[in-house]
Amino acid sequence: MGVSRLNFAAFWALDAYSTKDKLMGRQQNGVNFFRAITQADGVSGHTRWAGFDRGIPAALKQALLDAGYRGRLQWHALLEPSNASSVDVLYYPAPVTIDLAHLRNRCGVHAYSLMGVTHTLASGGAMDQISALAIAPFQSWDALICTSRAAKVFAENLIEANRDYMQVQLGATDFPKVKLPVIPLGVDTQHFSPQEARRKTLREQMGFDQDTVVILFVGRLSFHAKANPLVVYKTLEQLAQAQPHLRLVYLEVGQYPNLSIQSAFQRAQGLLAPSVGCQWIDGAIQDRVMEAWQVADIFVSCSDNVQETFGLTPLEAMACSIPVVVSDWDGYRDTVRDGLDGFRIPSLLPHASTGAGQSLQFSHASREESYDYYIGKLSLMTAIDARSLFDRLLVLIKSPDLRQSMGLSGRQRVSQLYDWQHILIQYCELARALNEERQDAQTRVQSRSYALAWPQRPDPLSAFAHFASTQIDSRSVIERAPDWERQAKQLGGLEMFRFALDASFGTTEMLMKLLEAVSEPLSLEALLCGFSKTEHASLVRLAMVALKFDLIRLALPLDEGSVFKPLQ
């Protein structure tokens, strides 16, 4: 079953769909998602995107062209209510921000549904975003896609704790019931298809004979923020000593955050795994990465970090028909079937009742320590069972047949459950359900929609009204200054006059139309009648610019109250 047409628009943010500046799981998933929606069956003829730009961003156009997309592109400008209302459902490539929900509700709470997705959960920012789902401005027709059961439990607990807090402190009882469906991240199964002939050629080129067992890790090379490799190094050395007739090669594929961390990895390998052939492959060189996938016999990833919530690389290994050995940790517990696709190695954390985590919690919350130190120290308290890791790797090293059967099992699982065509269908089903609930709620209130104010971001002309002497309203009468044409030409060359004149505020061209329209004294209301309603706000702004720089003047003196709306 393929995807006939996506029924949601995706929010455009270049950082979310590119690994050019940062190679992390969130960005890699964004790249995969972007590729999937531009290549899925039936979607290539029409794609929908949304954002704060008034027109289609050049970067989006280029990204689509680079991806080989040649179909139609529909753009939804979210800051324009009439355009935003056609979105229906908006996919956001992270937990939906409270700002985005407030902007939607200003258009009307029924304007469209919001659909975000979890990535890391441990940072203060991520926890704040998830906590915000407990209260307004979110609605029951919004959703946070949880990529694993572990992510859902975390989100549920955090949201419930915030509801309890609001109930105790404020007596609140009515909360939005944001949906928390579990939908995993996707994999392009075809992209990772094993190629036996190429595998044989590559292994010969790399000097890997039939007695060489290649163990592979792919991911961010950060011992404090991804996976501490010491238990893997020690175990591989023990295995090399236990199987002297075999050659063990350990490929680490990824990028180091800095030279200091790279040096730390290399020193640890030399000290703890001197008998193992440890090699590094730069994760930014995609051809080399794909070669590593092809030559590997076993994939290992002993993640011990709360920064991890799903884990794409075990699925990519399974798509390559490689058996996986992973820690029994967060999203790995959903994707890898112990004993079928590989093995899950038990992980351990101290119980909260020990009090071992409280100082970490508050030192991070108070910003005494950075996020990196927070998750790094927490990872030091996360243990991966070394004896189990040794035993499971030994079984796979000694049995090529088991490696083959587990590899085939894993590939079949990825193809049936985690290929992007299946994930996009689940996204579309969720979008359909959210849309139906939103429309039903809109019908029940017997109104097209109703807007909600954004109390923390008031209209500046209301918030700062008391700063000025008086306020101009629609009754105010204006007229052109005697020398307006010469002054306008003179001012047009000055940066401090034109620095803010643009499509979002009001253009120079529109300013000239306004000045030409004021051929005789007339009220602001009469002036606006000569233009479309969509231009009115810009014209008022430009009228004030013209007043500020003496291109137009008030036709009546300041003391005549009929011209001005006096302060109350």
Protein backbone atom coordinates (compact mmCIF):
# COMPACT_ATOMS: atom_id res chain seq x y z
CA MET A 1 0.00 0.00 0.00
CA GLY A 2 1.47 3.34 -1.03
CA VAL A 3 0.72 6.92 -0.07
CA SER A 4 -1.72 8.49 -2.54
CA ARG A 5 -1.46 12.06 -1.24
CA LEU A 6 -0.14 13.62 1.94
CA ASN A 7 -2.98 15.26 3.85
CA PHE A 8 -0.79 17.58 5.90
CA ALA A 9 1.63 20.43 5.28
CA ALA A 10 5.19 20.30 6.63
CA PHE A 11 6.79 23.24 8.43
CA TRP A 12 9.93 24.44 6.63
CA ALA A 13 13.07 25.08 8.66
CA LEU A 14 16.34 24.44 6.81
CA ASP A 15 18.12 23.21 9.96
CA ALA A 16 15.56 20.43 10.35
CA TYR A 17 16.14 18.89 6.91
CA SER A 18 19.89 19.19 6.39
CA THR A 19 23.00 17.62 7.90
CA LYS A 20 25.29 20.20 6.32
CA ASP A 21 25.93 22.15 9.53
CA LYS A 22 25.11 19.49 12.13
CA LEU A 23 25.07 15.70 11.85
CA MET A 24 22.74 14.50 14.60
CA GLY A 25 19.78 12.14 14.75
CA ARG A 26 17.22 14.94 14.44
CA GLN A 27 18.80 16.32 11.29
CA GLN A 28 19.36 12.87 9.77
CA ASN A 29 15.72 11.98 10.34
CA GLY A 30 14.77 15.29 8.74
CA VAL A 31 16.81 14.43 5.67
CA ASN A 32 15.14 11.01 5.51
CA PHE A 33 11.66 12.53 5.97
CA PHE A 34 12.31 15.12 3.25
CA ARG A 35 13.47 12.42 0.85
CA ALA A 36 10.47 10.23 1.71
CA ILE A 37 7.78 12.83 1.07
CA THR A 38 9.33 13.92 -2.21
CA GLN A 39 9.74 10.38 -3.51
CA ALA A 40 6.68 8.55 -2.16
CA ASP A 41 4.28 7.11 -4.77
CA GLY A 42 1.64 9.62 -5.77
CA VAL A 43 3.21 12.48 -3.84
CA SER A 44 5.77 13.58 -6.40
CA GLY A 45 3.18 15.65 -8.26
CA HIS A 46 2.19 17.85 -5.31
CA THR A 47 3.89 18.80 -2.05
CA ARG A 48 2.71 21.20 0.67
CA TRP A 49 4.91 23.27 2.94
CA ALA A 50 4.33 26.09 5.42
CA GLY A 51 6.32 28.67 7.31
CA PHE A 52 6.58 32.30 8.32
CA ASP A 53 7.89 33.56 4.97
CA ARG A 54 5.29 35.30 2.82
CA GLY A 55 6.60 33.57 -0.28
CA ILE A 56 8.26 30.23 -0.97
CA PRO A 57 11.78 30.27 0.55
CA ALA A 58 14.55 29.93 -2.02
CA ALA A 59 16.24 27.29 0.17
CA LEU A 60 13.13 25.08 0.00
CA LYS A 61 12.95 25.37 -3.78
CA GLN A 62 16.62 24.44 -4.06
CA ALA A 63 16.28 21.51 -1.65
CA LEU A 64 13.39 20.11 -3.68
CA LEU A 65 15.32 20.47 -6.92
CA ASP A 66 18.36 18.81 -5.37
CA ALA A 67 16.12 15.92 -4.27
CA GLY A 68 14.94 15.47 -7.88
CA TYR A 69 11.45 16.82 -7.23
CA ARG A 70 9.77 18.38 -10.26
CA GLY A 71 6.13 18.51 -9.17
CA ARG A 72 3.91 21.32 -7.88
CA LEU A 73 4.62 23.13 -4.62
CA GLN A 74 1.92 24.72 -2.47
CA TRP A 75 3.12 27.21 0.13
CA HIS A 76 1.11 28.26 3.21
CA ALA A 77 2.17 31.58 4.77
CA LEU A 78 1.34 31.06 8.45
CA LEU A 79 1.36 34.77 9.30
CA GLU A 80 -1.46 35.40 6.84
CA PRO A 81 -4.71 34.04 8.39
CA SER A 82 -6.47 33.47 5.07
CA ASN A 83 -3.54 31.42 3.79
CA ALA A 84 -2.91 29.55 7.04
CA SER A 85 -6.51 28.35 7.30
CA SER A 86 -5.99 26.06 4.31
CA VAL A 87 -3.27 24.05 6.07
CA ASP A 88 -5.71 21.63 7.82
CA VAL A 89 -2.86 19.83 9.63
CA LEU A 90 0.66 21.18 10.12
CA TYR A 91 3.58 18.82 10.75
CA TYR A 92 6.36 20.37 12.83
CA PRO A 93 9.74 18.52 12.86
CA ALA A 94 10.06 18.69 16.67
CA PRO A 95 7.68 19.10 19.62
CA VAL A 96 5.32 21.91 18.60
CA THR A 97 6.36 25.17 20.23
CA ILE A 98 3.97 27.15 22.38
CA ASP A 99 4.60 30.16 20.12
CA LEU A 100 3.36 28.27 17.08
CA ALA A 101 0.21 27.21 18.94
CA HIS A 102 -0.48 30.80 20.02
CA LEU A 103 -0.07 32.00 16.43
CA ARG A 104 -2.52 29.36 15.24
CA ASN A 105 -5.07 30.31 17.89
CA ARG A 106 -4.91 33.96 16.86
CA CYS A 107 -6.27 32.80 13.49
CA GLY A 108 -8.87 30.74 15.34
CA VAL A 109 -8.48 27.65 17.51
CA HIS A 110 -10.09 25.57 14.77
CA ALA A 111 -7.87 26.98 12.02
CA TYR A 112 -5.75 23.82 11.74
CA SER A 113 -4.24 21.00 13.79
CA LEU A 114 -0.62 20.85 14.96
CA MET A 115 1.38 17.63 14.78
CA GLY A 116 4.90 17.53 16.28
CA VAL A 117 7.39 14.74 16.90
CA THR A 118 9.76 13.86 19.74
CA HIS A 119 13.51 13.81 19.42
CA THR A 120 15.68 14.34 22.48
CA LEU A 121 13.67 14.61 25.70
CA ALA A 122 16.34 15.41 28.26
CA SER A 123 17.13 19.09 27.61
CA GLY A 124 15.39 21.83 29.53
CA GLY A 125 13.99 23.25 26.31
CA ALA A 126 12.51 19.92 25.22
CA MET A 127 10.95 19.34 28.65
CA ASP A 128 9.46 22.84 28.61
CA GLN A 129 7.94 22.22 25.18
CA ILE A 130 6.40 18.94 26.28
CA SER A 131 5.19 20.39 29.59
CA ALA A 132 3.41 23.16 27.70
CA LEU A 133 1.16 20.55 26.06
CA ALA A 134 -0.66 20.22 29.40
CA ILE A 135 -2.41 23.57 29.07
CA ALA A 136 -3.62 26.19 26.58
CA PRO A 137 -2.89 27.24 23.85
CA PHE A 138 -2.95 23.60 22.71
CA GLN A 139 -6.12 21.78 21.72
CA SER A 140 -7.35 18.19 21.74
CA TRP A 141 -6.94 18.10 17.95
CA ASP A 142 -3.17 18.57 18.30
CA ALA A 143 -0.66 15.73 18.67
CA LEU A 144 2.88 14.93 19.71
CA ILE A 145 4.16 11.90 17.81
CA CYS A 146 6.21 9.80 20.22
CA THR A 147 8.86 7.83 18.37
CA SER A 148 9.02 5.08 20.99
CA ARG A 149 7.08 3.73 23.94
CA ALA A 150 9.81 5.14 26.19
CA ALA A 151 9.23 8.60 24.72
CA LYS A 152 5.46 8.30 25.25
CA VAL A 153 5.80 7.29 28.91
CA PHE A 154 8.17 10.21 29.48
CA ALA A 155 5.80 12.68 27.80
CA GLU A 156 2.75 11.30 29.61
CA ASN A 157 4.46 11.56 33.00
CA LEU A 158 5.70 15.09 32.36
CA ILE A 159 2.33 16.34 31.11
CA GLU A 160 0.49 14.69 34.01
CA ALA A 161 2.90 16.20 36.54
CA ASN A 162 2.22 19.67 35.11
CA ARG A 163 -1.54 19.12 35.20
CA ASP A 164 -1.31 18.04 38.83
CA TYR A 165 0.71 21.14 39.61
CA MET A 166 -1.83 23.45 37.95
CA GLN A 167 -4.67 21.72 39.74
CA VAL A 168 -3.05 22.14 43.16
CA GLN A 169 -1.87 25.71 42.60
CA LEU A 170 -4.81 27.13 40.63
CA GLY A 171 -7.64 24.65 41.02
CA ALA A 172 -7.61 24.02 37.29
CA THR A 173 -9.50 20.92 36.15
CA ASP A 174 -10.12 21.34 32.40
CA PHE A 175 -7.04 20.55 30.31
CA PRO A 176 -6.54 19.92 26.59
CA LYS A 177 -6.07 16.24 25.78
CA VAL A 178 -3.27 16.41 23.23
CA LYS A 179 -2.81 13.09 21.43
CA LEU A 180 0.38 11.09 22.06
CA PRO A 181 0.49 8.36 19.38
CA VAL A 182 3.54 6.13 19.04
CA ILE A 183 4.89 6.24 15.47
CA PRO A 184 8.54 5.30 14.93
CA LEU A 185 11.01 7.05 12.70
CA GLY A 186 11.38 5.69 9.21
CA VAL A 187 14.09 4.09 7.09
CA ASP A 188 14.56 4.01 3.33
CA THR A 189 14.94 0.24 3.11
CA GLN A 190 16.04 0.29 -0.52
CA HIS A 191 18.81 2.78 0.27
CA PHE A 192 20.37 0.23 2.65
CA SER A 193 19.87 -2.90 0.55
CA PRO A 194 22.73 -5.40 0.98
CA GLN A 195 24.74 -6.06 -2.18
CA GLU A 196 26.67 -9.31 -1.91
CA ALA A 197 28.93 -8.74 -4.92
CA ARG A 198 29.85 -5.26 -3.75
CA ARG A 199 30.37 -6.54 -0.21
CA LYS A 200 32.87 -9.14 -1.46
CA THR A 201 34.77 -6.57 -3.54
CA LEU A 202 34.91 -4.01 -0.74
CA ARG A 203 36.10 -6.54 1.83
CA GLU A 204 38.89 -7.63 -0.49
CA GLN A 205 39.90 -4.01 -1.05
CA MET A 206 39.95 -3.36 2.70
CA GLY A 207 41.93 -6.51 3.41
CA PHE A 208 39.15 -8.36 5.24
CA ASP A 209 39.44 -12.10 4.57
CA GLN A 210 37.01 -14.86 5.60
CA ASP A 211 38.61 -15.06 9.04
CA THR A 212 37.98 -11.37 9.68
CA VAL A 213 34.87 -10.38 11.66
CA VAL A 214 33.97 -6.72 11.15
CA ILE A 215 32.03 -5.12 14.01
CA LEU A 216 30.48 -1.78 13.20
CA PHE A 217 29.26 1.26 15.13
CA VAL A 218 27.61 4.18 13.32
CA GLY A 219 26.59 7.31 15.16
CA ARG A 220 27.77 10.47 16.82
CA LEU A 221 31.18 9.86 18.39
CA SER A 222 30.56 11.50 21.75
CA PHE A 223 31.19 9.53 24.93
CA HIS A 224 29.25 11.98 27.09
CA ALA A 225 26.24 12.58 24.79
CA LYS A 226 25.71 9.39 22.80
CA ALA A 227 27.41 6.21 24.04
CA ASN A 228 30.45 5.67 26.24
CA PRO A 229 32.50 3.11 24.28
CA LEU A 230 34.73 1.79 27.10
CA VAL A 231 32.62 -1.30 27.80
CA VAL A 232 32.67 -2.13 24.06
CA TYR A 233 36.46 -1.68 23.80
CA LYS A 234 37.11 -3.89 26.84
CA THR A 235 34.71 -6.56 25.58
CA LEU A 236 36.22 -6.60 22.09
CA GLU A 237 39.70 -7.07 23.55
CA GLN A 238 38.45 -10.01 25.64
CA LEU A 239 36.87 -11.51 22.52
CA ALA A 240 40.09 -11.09 20.53
CA GLN A 241 41.99 -12.91 23.26
CA ALA A 242 39.35 -15.66 23.41
CA GLN A 243 39.30 -16.19 19.62
CA PRO A 244 42.95 -15.83 18.53
CA HIS A 245 42.31 -17.57 15.21
CA LEU A 246 39.98 -14.77 14.14
CA ARG A 247 40.81 -11.18 13.30
CA LEU A 248 38.47 -8.66 14.91
CA VAL A 249 38.08 -5.27 13.22
CA TYR A 250 36.07 -2.52 14.84
CA LEU A 251 34.83 0.26 12.53
CA GLU A 252 33.67 3.46 14.21
CA VAL A 253 31.72 5.61 11.77
CA GLY A 254 30.71 9.11 12.71
CA GLN A 255 32.00 12.57 13.54
CA TYR A 256 33.83 13.79 16.62
CA PRO A 257 32.60 17.08 18.10
CA ASN A 258 36.21 18.27 18.51
CA LEU A 259 39.83 17.13 18.47
CA SER A 260 39.90 16.64 22.24
CA ILE A 261 37.13 14.06 22.11
CA GLN A 262 38.74 12.38 19.10
CA SER A 263 41.96 12.05 21.09
CA ALA A 264 40.03 10.60 24.05
CA PHE A 265 38.53 7.90 21.81
CA GLN A 266 41.90 7.01 20.28
CA ARG A 267 43.68 6.82 23.66
CA ALA A 268 40.98 4.53 25.04
CA GLN A 269 41.20 2.22 22.01
CA GLY A 270 44.98 1.96 22.31
CA LEU A 271 44.83 1.20 26.02
CA LEU A 272 41.80 -1.10 26.22
CA ALA A 273 41.70 -2.78 22.79
CA PRO A 274 45.28 -3.11 21.52
CA SER A 275 44.56 -6.47 19.83
CA VAL A 276 41.55 -5.14 17.90
CA GLY A 277 41.91 -3.40 14.56
CA CYS A 278 40.11 -0.13 15.35
CA GLN A 279 39.44 2.11 12.37
CA TRP A 280 37.60 5.42 12.05
CA ILE A 281 35.47 6.46 9.07
CA ASP A 282 34.28 10.05 8.75
CA GLY A 283 30.49 10.05 8.99
CA ALA A 284 30.29 13.09 6.72
CA ILE A 285 31.60 11.11 3.73
CA GLN A 286 28.47 9.26 2.66
CA ASP A 287 30.20 6.94 0.17
CA ARG A 288 32.52 5.69 2.89
CA VAL A 289 29.61 5.27 5.30
CA MET A 290 27.73 3.12 2.79
CA GLU A 291 30.88 1.03 2.27
CA ALA A 292 31.02 0.41 6.01
CA TRP A 293 27.42 -0.80 6.00
CA GLN A 294 28.24 -3.25 3.21
CA VAL A 295 31.32 -4.86 4.79
CA ALA A 296 30.10 -5.25 8.39
CA ASP A 297 29.28 -8.60 10.01
CA ILE A 298 27.82 -7.33 13.30
CA PHE A 299 26.44 -3.96 14.36
CA VAL A 300 26.88 -2.84 17.97
CA SER A 301 25.48 0.22 19.76
CA CYS A 302 25.52 0.31 23.55
CA SER A 303 23.77 3.64 24.01
CA ASP A 304 23.72 4.70 27.66
CA ASN A 305 22.53 8.28 27.29
CA VAL A 306 19.15 9.90 27.93
CA GLN A 307 19.83 12.14 24.95
CA GLU A 308 18.92 9.10 22.84
CA THR A 309 15.18 8.47 22.47
CA PHE A 310 14.79 6.28 19.40
CA GLY A 311 17.98 5.29 17.59
CA LEU A 312 17.96 5.13 13.79
CA THR A 313 21.22 3.30 13.22
CA PRO A 314 20.09 -0.14 14.49
CA LEU A 315 17.24 0.01 11.95
CA GLU A 316 19.67 0.99 9.22
CA ALA A 317 21.85 -1.99 10.19
CA MET A 318 18.82 -4.28 10.08
CA ALA A 319 17.93 -2.91 6.65
CA CYS A 320 21.44 -3.98 5.58
CA SER A 321 20.76 -7.51 6.91
CA ILE A 322 23.32 -7.04 9.70
CA PRO A 323 22.53 -8.62 13.10
CA VAL A 324 22.51 -6.00 15.85
CA VAL A 325 23.74 -6.03 19.43
CA VAL A 326 22.34 -3.05 21.31
CA SER A 327 21.74 -1.91 24.85
CA ASP A 328 18.25 -2.58 26.18
CA TRP A 329 17.59 1.15 26.19
CA ASP A 330 14.79 3.55 25.19
CA GLY A 331 13.75 3.14 21.53
CA TYR A 332 16.05 0.15 20.97
CA ARG A 333 13.65 -1.81 23.15
CA ASP A 334 10.91 -1.32 20.52
CA THR A 335 12.85 -1.91 17.34
CA VAL A 336 15.19 -4.84 18.10
CA ARG A 337 13.64 -8.19 19.01
CA ASP A 338 15.98 -9.94 21.40
CA GLY A 339 17.06 -13.28 19.97
CA LEU A 340 15.48 -12.65 16.55
CA ASP A 341 17.10 -9.59 14.97
CA GLY A 342 20.08 -9.62 17.32
CA PHE A 343 20.47 -9.18 21.05
CA ARG A 344 19.54 -6.53 23.60
CA ILE A 345 22.03 -6.13 26.44
CA PRO A 346 20.56 -5.29 29.89
CA SER A 347 21.06 -1.73 31.11
CA LEU A 348 20.89 -0.47 34.69
CA LEU A 349 20.10 2.84 36.39
CA PRO A 350 20.00 3.64 40.13
CA HIS A 351 16.49 3.96 41.58
CA ALA A 352 15.24 7.52 42.18
CA SER A 353 14.75 6.69 45.88
CA THR A 354 18.53 6.58 46.28
CA GLY A 355 18.64 10.36 45.76
CA ALA A 356 21.58 9.99 43.36
CA GLY A 357 19.95 12.11 40.66
CA GLN A 358 18.69 15.12 42.59
CA SER A 359 21.91 17.13 42.59
CA LEU A 360 22.23 16.60 38.82
CA GLN A 361 18.65 17.73 38.31
CA PHE A 362 19.04 21.01 40.19
CA SER A 363 22.54 21.86 39.01
CA HIS A 364 21.28 21.63 35.42
CA ALA A 365 17.99 23.42 36.13
CA SER A 366 19.86 26.31 37.76
CA ARG A 367 22.30 26.41 34.82
CA GLU A 368 25.21 25.81 37.18
CA GLU A 369 26.21 23.00 34.82
CA SER A 370 25.70 22.70 31.10
CA TYR A 371 23.41 20.23 29.37
CA ASP A 372 26.47 18.29 28.18
CA TYR A 373 27.72 17.82 31.74
CA TYR A 374 24.22 16.91 32.92
CA ILE A 375 23.68 14.11 30.41
CA GLY A 376 27.33 13.08 30.64
CA LYS A 377 27.20 12.61 34.41
CA LEU A 378 23.90 10.78 34.12
CA SER A 379 25.45 8.43 31.55
CA LEU A 380 28.23 7.62 34.04
CA MET A 381 25.51 6.19 36.30
CA THR A 382 24.13 4.03 33.46
CA ALA A 383 25.67 0.57 33.31
CA ILE A 384 25.55 -1.89 30.40
CA ASP A 385 25.98 -5.54 31.44
CA ALA A 386 29.51 -6.37 30.24
CA ARG A 387 29.21 -10.14 30.77
CA SER A 388 26.05 -10.30 28.67
CA LEU A 389 27.68 -8.17 25.97
CA PHE A 390 30.65 -10.58 25.82
CA ASP A 391 28.43 -13.66 25.69
CA ARG A 392 26.14 -12.35 22.94
CA LEU A 393 28.94 -11.04 20.75
CA LEU A 394 30.81 -14.33 21.16
CA VAL A 395 27.77 -16.29 19.97
CA LEU A 396 27.54 -14.16 16.84
CA ILE A 397 31.27 -14.15 16.17
CA LYS A 398 31.36 -17.96 16.29
CA SER A 399 28.24 -18.51 14.15
CA PRO A 400 28.08 -17.08 10.61
CA ASP A 401 24.79 -18.93 10.11
CA LEU A 402 23.20 -17.19 13.10
CA ARG A 403 24.48 -13.85 11.81
CA GLN A 404 22.83 -14.53 8.48
CA SER A 405 19.48 -15.64 9.91
CA MET A 406 19.28 -12.71 12.34
CA GLY A 407 20.28 -10.32 9.56
CA LEU A 408 17.50 -11.59 7.29
CA SER A 409 15.01 -11.39 10.17
CA GLY A 410 15.97 -7.78 10.85
CA ARG A 411 15.69 -6.72 7.22
CA GLN A 412 12.25 -8.29 6.92
CA ARG A 413 11.14 -6.45 10.08
CA VAL A 414 12.36 -3.09 8.81
CA SER A 415 10.78 -3.63 5.40
CA GLN A 416 7.41 -4.54 6.90
CA LEU A 417 7.22 -1.98 9.73
CA TYR A 418 9.76 0.81 9.46
CA ASP A 419 10.06 1.66 5.79
CA TRP A 420 9.02 5.26 5.17
CA GLN A 421 6.03 4.22 3.05
CA HIS A 422 4.52 2.60 6.17
CA ILE A 423 5.45 5.51 8.43
CA LEU A 424 3.92 8.10 6.10
CA ILE A 425 0.68 6.12 6.03
CA GLN A 426 0.57 6.35 9.83
CA TYR A 427 1.27 10.09 9.65
CA CYS A 428 -1.59 10.50 7.19
CA GLU A 429 -3.96 8.43 9.35
CA LEU A 430 -3.09 10.57 12.36
CA ALA A 431 -3.58 13.78 10.34
CA ARG A 432 -6.98 12.52 9.16
CA ALA A 433 -8.10 11.74 12.73
CA LEU A 434 -6.92 15.15 14.01
CA ASN A 435 -8.63 16.93 11.15
CA GLU A 436 -11.89 15.11 11.77
CA GLU A 437 -11.84 15.94 15.49
CA ARG A 438 -11.06 19.58 14.75
CA GLN A 439 -13.89 19.88 12.24
CA ASP A 440 -16.31 18.13 14.59
CA ALA A 441 -15.41 20.52 17.41
CA GLN A 442 -15.86 23.46 15.07
CA THR A 443 -19.35 22.23 14.11
CA ARG A 444 -20.36 21.71 17.74
CA VAL A 445 -19.56 25.30 18.72
CA GLN A 446 -21.62 26.42 15.68
CA SER A 447 -18.94 28.82 14.59
CA ARG A 448 -16.30 28.79 11.92
CA SER A 449 -13.75 29.38 14.62
CA TYR A 450 -12.96 31.58 17.54
CA ALA A 451 -9.69 33.33 18.21
CA LEU A 452 -7.76 33.30 21.46
CA ALA A 453 -5.52 36.14 22.54
CA TRP A 454 -1.83 35.53 23.17
CA PRO A 455 -1.59 37.15 26.61
CA GLN A 456 2.21 37.10 26.82
CA ARG A 457 2.52 38.81 23.40
CA PRO A 458 -0.03 41.65 23.31
CA ASP A 459 -0.59 43.98 20.36
CA PRO A 460 2.15 46.61 20.86
CA LEU A 461 -0.24 49.43 19.95
CA SER A 462 -2.42 48.33 22.83
CA ALA A 463 0.36 47.46 25.27
CA PHE A 464 2.18 50.77 24.74
CA ALA A 465 -0.83 53.02 24.06
CA HIS A 466 -0.25 54.96 27.27
CA PHE A 467 3.28 55.91 26.18
CA ALA A 468 2.02 58.49 23.65
CA SER A 469 0.10 61.72 24.05
CA THR A 470 -2.75 60.66 21.81
CA GLN A 471 -3.73 58.01 19.30
CA ILE A 472 -4.80 58.40 15.70
CA ASP A 473 -7.91 56.52 14.63
CA SER A 474 -10.04 56.20 11.51
CA ARG A 475 -11.55 59.69 12.02
CA SER A 476 -8.18 61.44 11.86
CA VAL A 477 -7.91 63.77 8.84
CA ILE A 478 -4.63 63.98 6.94
CA GLU A 479 -3.25 66.04 4.07
CA ARG A 480 -0.01 66.09 2.10
CA ALA A 481 2.84 68.41 3.08
CA PRO A 482 3.47 71.20 0.54
CA ASP A 483 6.85 69.88 -0.58
CA TRP A 484 6.08 66.14 -0.22
CA GLU A 485 7.44 64.96 -3.60
CA ARG A 486 10.88 66.47 -3.16
CA GLN A 487 11.07 65.31 0.45
CA ALA A 488 10.04 61.75 -0.47
CA LYS A 489 12.77 61.56 -3.10
CA GLN A 490 15.33 62.93 -0.68
CA LEU A 491 14.33 60.60 2.15
CA GLY A 492 14.29 57.58 -0.16
CA GLY A 493 18.08 57.57 -0.25
CA LEU A 494 18.46 57.45 3.52
CA GLU A 495 18.84 54.12 5.32
CA MET A 496 17.23 55.42 8.52
CA PHE A 497 14.09 56.17 6.49
CA ARG A 498 13.75 52.97 4.42
CA PHE A 499 15.41 50.36 6.69
CA ALA A 500 12.11 48.71 7.71
CA LEU A 501 10.09 49.19 4.54
CA ASP A 502 9.43 45.71 3.18
CA ALA A 503 6.56 43.37 2.21
CA SER A 504 5.72 42.55 5.84
CA PHE A 505 5.54 46.18 6.95
CA GLY A 506 4.73 48.15 3.83
CA THR A 507 6.77 48.85 0.72
CA THR A 508 8.10 52.08 -0.73
CA GLU A 509 5.81 51.57 -3.72
CA MET A 510 2.75 51.33 -1.48
CA LEU A 511 3.86 54.47 0.37
CA MET A 512 3.92 56.40 -2.89
CA LYS A 513 0.43 55.13 -3.76
CA LEU A 514 -0.77 56.38 -0.37
CA LEU A 515 0.76 59.81 -0.89
CA GLU A 516 -0.73 60.10 -4.36
CA ALA A 517 -4.16 59.14 -2.97
CA VAL A 518 -4.10 62.03 -0.48
CA SER A 519 -4.78 64.63 -3.17
CA GLU A 520 -6.98 66.54 -0.74
CA PRO A 521 -7.58 66.39 3.01
CA LEU A 522 -9.42 63.20 3.93
CA SER A 523 -9.98 60.96 6.90
CA LEU A 524 -7.94 57.83 7.38
CA GLU A 525 -11.16 55.86 6.97
CA ALA A 526 -11.86 57.48 3.60
CA LEU A 527 -8.29 56.82 2.48
CA LEU A 528 -8.53 53.11 3.30
CA CYS A 529 -11.78 52.77 1.35
CA GLY A 530 -9.80 53.18 -1.85
CA PHE A 531 -7.71 50.06 -1.17
CA SER A 532 -8.38 46.36 -0.54
CA LYS A 533 -8.84 45.21 3.06
CA THR A 534 -5.68 43.13 2.90
CA GLU A 535 -3.69 46.36 2.44
CA HIS A 536 -5.30 48.35 5.28
CA ALA A 537 -2.88 47.45 8.08
CA SER A 538 0.14 48.24 5.89
CA LEU A 539 -1.41 51.55 4.81
CA VAL A 540 -1.96 52.62 8.42
CA ARG A 541 1.67 51.81 9.20
CA LEU A 542 2.84 53.74 6.16
CA ALA A 543 0.59 56.70 7.00
CA MET A 544 2.37 56.90 10.35
CA VAL A 545 5.75 56.74 8.58
CA ALA A 546 4.62 59.62 6.35
CA LEU A 547 3.48 61.57 9.40
CA LYS A 548 6.74 60.82 11.20
CA PHE A 549 8.82 62.29 8.38
CA ASP A 550 6.46 65.17 7.56
CA LEU A 551 5.34 63.87 4.18
CA ILE A 552 1.73 64.21 5.35
CA ARG A 553 0.27 66.26 8.16
CA LEU A 554 -2.80 66.34 10.29
CA ALA A 555 -5.38 68.61 8.69
CA LEU A 556 -6.78 69.70 12.06
CA PRO A 557 -4.85 71.04 15.06
CA LEU A 558 -3.92 68.78 17.95
CA ASP A 559 -6.43 70.25 20.41
CA GLU A 560 -9.48 69.22 18.36
CA GLY A 561 -10.55 66.01 20.04
CA SER A 562 -12.64 64.84 17.08
CA VAL A 563 -9.43 64.14 15.21
CA PHE A 564 -7.81 62.00 17.88
CA LYS A 565 -8.78 59.18 20.13
CA PRO A 566 -7.77 60.59 23.52
CA LEU A 567 -6.14 58.50 26.24
CA GLN A 568 -8.61 57.05 28.72
